[in-house]
């Protein structure tokens, strides 16, 4: 294998790998798309965007791993077609080349830190929660129903000295988790949170992050009716039919939580990211579950340090290709504790739109 010319930036390095790794045998973008698509759908425009020196898109970490495997061995281009070998198929020398190449590509990835492992772990993920512009971001929660608010006593009475406004919010665990994370990775943006009943007309044109489902959050209900996604949340407040998320694509299918003897064992949650229909230059993100634990699980998928990078890579891959992405997921609950869903595990993903090829 002939080493490619040095390149100081990732797009140039990826292009050099294609054109210079094997003298006399240029690998085209179509060849890479063919090989990569055997594991996860890829296209020539997508690969071209990773090599662009004018307006590059940063490939997810799992795509750099595919590059490293492909260019670690000439066997990737031998025979008919172009293919990706598994790590188990690589020889010891090829595996050493793979490790070296993956490390060098990862180091060129924008925002990559080379530091002490503890420091790197503590660094907030600059993933989907980092918005690409400095515009305002507002997290929108539901207001708890008044009967629940009143049951809490003086803390929810504005005239009482012990009044706490946050007690009137639904999903406070998801809100606290997400508010701190979004502020950390959007340091130049103004980040605020409000109840749905507190929004003014200017709030609707910001980056909107909606927490909670259609039962209590009217903004979630309104936005889901305006975006083109074949998922409908059936309210828990209607007792004449099962509740859950109904997929209205290729027929109808309902995904409902699992409750046994009054205990929630598994919730169903929804993540959506797309254009804000009130301002196409901004985004709307929805994290909601049939219960509060599902909402919290959808949030934790992209904030939990153990899972956020792989989940972010998975979702960003779909967003890069489609511009919008919807995922219904299982959220496991064990002894009342929410387990962070791993989107790379097929059993976790109940429905995706647009349909993802993995």
Foldseek 3Di string as FASTA:
>chain_A
DFDFDDDLAQLCNLCRLQQPLDPPDGHALQLLQQAVVVFFHDDSVLNVLCNDPPRHDFAALVVLLQSLQQSLDPVQPPDPGGYGDDCVPDDPSSNVSSVVSSVVSQVNGPPDDDDDVVVVLPQFDLFPLQDPDQEAEEEEFFFPPPVVLVVVPPCCDPVHPNHDPCSRTPLVVLVVLSQVRSCRNNVNHHYYYDYQVPDDPVNLQAAYEYFEDVQGRVVNVVQVVVDPAQKDFAAPVDPPDAGAIWGPPPHIDGDAFDADPNRTFKWKWKWKKAARPVHRVHMYIYTYINDSLSSSLSSCCCGVSVHNSQSRSVVVVVCSVPRMKMWMFMWGADPNDTDRDHPVDPNGTPDMPVDIRD
